[in-house]
C-alpha atoms as a PDB file:
ATOM      1  CA  MET A   1      -9.094  17.190  12.310  1.00  0.00           C
ATOM      2  CA  LYS A   2     -10.474  15.685   9.327  1.00  0.00           C
ATOM      3  CA  GLU A   3      -8.434  12.477   7.709  1.00  0.00           C
ATOM      4  CA  ASN A   4      -6.762  13.272   4.428  1.00  0.00           C
ATOM      5  CA  PRO A   5      -8.573  11.178   1.865  1.00  0.00           C
ATOM      6  CA  PHE A   6      -5.254   9.507   0.522  1.00  0.00           C
ATOM      7  CA  VAL A   7      -4.504   8.375   4.074  1.00  0.00           C
ATOM      8  CA  LYS A   8      -8.073   6.884   4.550  1.00  0.00           C
ATOM      9  CA  ILE A   9      -7.820   5.321   1.262  1.00  0.00           C
ATOM     10  CA  ILE A  10      -4.463   3.659   2.273  1.00  0.00           C
ATOM     11  CA  ASN A  11      -5.653   2.453   5.362  1.00  0.00           C
ATOM     12  CA  GLY A  12      -8.764   1.094   4.123  1.00  0.00           C
ATOM     13  CA  LEU A  13      -6.531  -1.158   1.208  1.00  0.00           C
ATOM     14  CA  GLU A  14      -4.278  -2.124   4.458  1.00  0.00           C
ATOM     15  CA  THR A  15      -7.527  -3.257   6.402  1.00  0.00           C
ATOM     16  CA  GLU A  16      -8.938  -5.007   3.639  1.00  0.00           C
ATOM     17  CA  LYS A  17      -5.540  -7.040   2.884  1.00  0.00           C
ATOM     18  CA  ASN A  18      -5.748  -7.988   6.455  1.00  0.00           C
ATOM     19  CA  ARG A  19      -9.197  -9.247   6.508  1.00  0.00           C
ATOM     20  CA  GLN A  20      -8.439 -11.308   3.301  1.00  0.00           C
ATOM     21  CA  GLU A  21      -5.445 -12.899   4.769  1.00  0.00           C
ATOM     22  CA  LEU A  22      -7.490 -13.732   7.836  1.00  0.00           C
ATOM     23  CA  LEU A  23     -10.332 -14.980   5.859  1.00  0.00           C
ATOM     24  CA  ASN A  24      -7.936 -17.127   3.626  1.00  0.00           C
ATOM     25  CA  LYS A  25      -6.177 -18.503   6.780  1.00  0.00           C
ATOM     26  CA  GLN A  26      -9.498 -19.453   8.314  1.00  0.00           C
ATOM     27  CA  LEU A  27     -10.841 -20.926   5.014  1.00  0.00           C
ATOM     28  CA  LYS A  28      -7.340 -22.800   4.685  1.00  0.00           C
ATOM     29  CA  ILE A  29      -8.024 -24.898   7.592  1.00  0.00           C
ATOM     30  CA  ILE A  30     -11.480 -26.190   5.822  1.00  0.00           C
ATOM     31  CA  ILE A  31      -9.770 -26.483   2.140  1.00  0.00           C
ATOM     32  CA  SER A  32      -6.434 -27.925   2.501  1.00  0.00           C
ATOM     33  CA  ASP A  33      -5.079 -27.562  -1.226  1.00  0.00           C
ATOM     34  CA  GLY A  34      -3.156 -24.301  -0.273  1.00  0.00           C
ATOM     35  CA  ALA A  35      -4.820 -22.202  -2.715  1.00  0.00           C
ATOM     36  CA  GLN A  36      -5.662 -18.565  -2.189  1.00  0.00           C
ATOM     37  CA  ILE A  37      -9.497 -18.810  -1.845  1.00  0.00           C
ATOM     38  CA  PHE A  38     -10.827 -15.262  -1.619  1.00  0.00           C
ATOM     39  CA  TYR A  39      -9.199 -11.770  -3.216  1.00  0.00           C
ATOM     40  CA  LEU A  40     -11.037  -8.696  -4.221  1.00  0.00           C
ATOM     41  CA  ASP A  41      -8.144  -7.988  -6.432  1.00  0.00           C
ATOM     42  CA  LYS A  42     -10.219  -6.165  -9.417  1.00  0.00           C
ATOM     43  CA  PHE A  43     -11.252  -3.380  -7.013  1.00  0.00           C
ATOM     44  CA  GLU A  44      -7.978  -2.735  -5.393  1.00  0.00           C
ATOM     45  CA  ASP A  45      -6.242  -2.837  -8.590  1.00  0.00           C
ATOM     46  CA  GLU A  46      -8.175  -0.079 -10.067  1.00  0.00           C
ATOM     47  CA  LEU A  47      -7.987   1.839  -6.762  1.00  0.00           C
ATOM     48  CA  PHE A  48      -4.136   1.383  -7.155  1.00  0.00           C
ATOM     49  CA  LYS A  49      -3.978   2.246 -10.430  1.00  0.00           C
ATOM     50  CA  ALA A  50      -6.466   5.584  -9.810  1.00  0.00           C
ATOM     51  CA  LEU A  51      -3.798   6.498  -7.046  1.00  0.00           C
ATOM     52  CA  LYS A  52      -0.592   6.059  -9.265  1.00  0.00           C
ATOM     53  CA  ASP A  53      -2.120   7.937 -11.962  1.00  0.00           C
ATOM     54  CA  GLU A  54      -3.444  10.975  -9.894  1.00  0.00           C
ATOM     55  CA  PHE A  55       0.315  11.249  -8.266  1.00  0.00           C
ATOM     56  CA  ASN A  56       1.705  10.818 -11.706  1.00  0.00           C
ATOM     57  CA  ASP A  57       3.797   7.659 -10.011  1.00  0.00           C
ATOM     58  CA  LYS A  58       6.015   6.468 -12.776  1.00  0.00           C
ATOM     59  CA  ASP A  59       8.715   5.023 -10.245  1.00  0.00           C
ATOM     60  CA  ASP A  60       6.179   2.828  -8.511  1.00  0.00           C
ATOM     61  CA  TRP A  61       6.535   4.328  -4.999  1.00  0.00           C
ATOM     62  CA  LEU A  62       3.235   3.511  -3.881  1.00  0.00           C
ATOM     63  CA  GLY A  63       3.696  -0.268  -4.924  1.00  0.00           C
ATOM     64  CA  TRP A  64       7.132  -0.137  -3.230  1.00  0.00           C
ATOM     65  CA  TRP A  65       5.344   1.176   0.036  1.00  0.00           C
ATOM     66  CA  ILE A  66       2.423  -1.077  -0.051  1.00  0.00           C
ATOM     67  CA  TYR A  67       3.953  -4.451  -1.116  1.00  0.00           C
ATOM     68  CA  GLU A  68       7.608  -4.200  -0.177  1.00  0.00           C
ATOM     69  CA  LYS A  69       7.535  -1.917   2.584  1.00  0.00           C
ATOM     70  CA  ASP A  70       4.446  -3.771   3.542  1.00  0.00           C
ATOM     71  CA  PHE A  71       2.420  -0.479   4.413  1.00  0.00           C
ATOM     72  CA  GLY A  72       5.268   0.951   6.002  1.00  0.00           C
ATOM     73  CA  LYS A  73       5.746  -1.638   8.470  1.00  0.00           C
ATOM     74  CA  ASN A  74       9.236  -2.852   7.451  1.00  0.00           C
ATOM     75  CA  LYS A  75      11.454  -0.358   9.001  1.00  0.00           C
ATOM     76  CA  LYS A  76      14.513  -1.943   7.586  1.00  0.00           C
ATOM     77  CA  LEU A  77      13.580  -0.827   4.106  1.00  0.00           C
ATOM     78  CA  THR A  78      14.602   2.927   3.415  1.00  0.00           C
ATOM     79  CA  ALA A  79      13.877   4.835   0.542  1.00  0.00           C
ATOM     80  CA  ARG A  80      16.328   7.168  -1.311  1.00  0.00           C
ATOM     81  CA  TYR A  81      15.110   9.781  -4.142  1.00  0.00           C
ATOM     82  CA  LYS A  82      17.220  12.371  -6.448  1.00  0.00           C
ATOM     83  CA  ASN A  83      19.598  13.856  -3.491  1.00  0.00           C
ATOM     84  CA  LYS A  84      20.412  10.282  -2.272  1.00  0.00           C
ATOM     85  CA  LYS A  85      19.358  11.046   1.333  1.00  0.00           C
ATOM     86  CA  PRO A  86      17.050   8.599   3.203  1.00  0.00           C
ATOM     87  CA  ILE A  87      13.477   9.541   3.110  1.00  0.00           C
ATOM     88  CA  LYS A  88      11.446   8.847   5.878  1.00  0.00           C
ATOM     89  CA  LEU A  89       8.244   6.908   4.794  1.00  0.00           C
ATOM     90  CA  ASP A  90       6.696   5.016   7.607  1.00  0.00           C
ATOM     91  CA  THR A  91       3.307   6.499   7.471  1.00  0.00           C
ATOM     92  CA  PRO A  92       0.609   7.048   4.900  1.00  0.00           C
ATOM     93  CA  GLU A  93       1.173  10.687   5.875  1.00  0.00           C
ATOM     94  CA  GLN A  94       4.418  10.503   5.182  1.00  0.00           C
ATOM     95  CA  LEU A  95       4.055   9.058   1.684  1.00  0.00           C
ATOM     96  CA  TYR A  96       1.494  11.436   0.632  1.00  0.00           C
ATOM     97  CA  LYS A  97       3.423  14.518   1.568  1.00  0.00           C
ATOM     98  CA  PHE A  98       6.696  12.583  -0.431  1.00  0.00           C
ATOM     99  CA  LEU A  99       4.275  12.048  -3.321  1.00  0.00           C
ATOM    100  CA  VAL A 100       2.420  15.533  -3.592  1.00  0.00           C
ATOM    101  CA  LYS A 101       6.256  17.237  -3.226  1.00  0.00           C
ATOM    102  CA  ASN A 102       7.748  15.130  -6.038  1.00  0.00           C
ATOM    103  CA  MET A 103       5.510  13.653  -8.183  1.00  0.00           C
ATOM    104  CA  HIS A 104       2.988  16.580  -9.098  1.00  0.00           C
END
């Protein structure tokens, strides 16, 4: 089965975030001033903005899911929407279905 393009983009963002964190960790061993040394934020910011626009995500579900829920890994955080019932948003696929259903 072909991977959903949204899921592919989200997985790519997570992979790049992990690579950047690893590179920064390794470079900080060499450069000890504690500054973040490497980050491709311009490309990621533009991609993030494009996704927010595509889904009309005015409530910042994407930002919450990526940064607060740490790409779905933080199982302690739960989401609630209009009916106040918990929403299961642990995977990019679940996030995609939620956004398609509620934001378009």
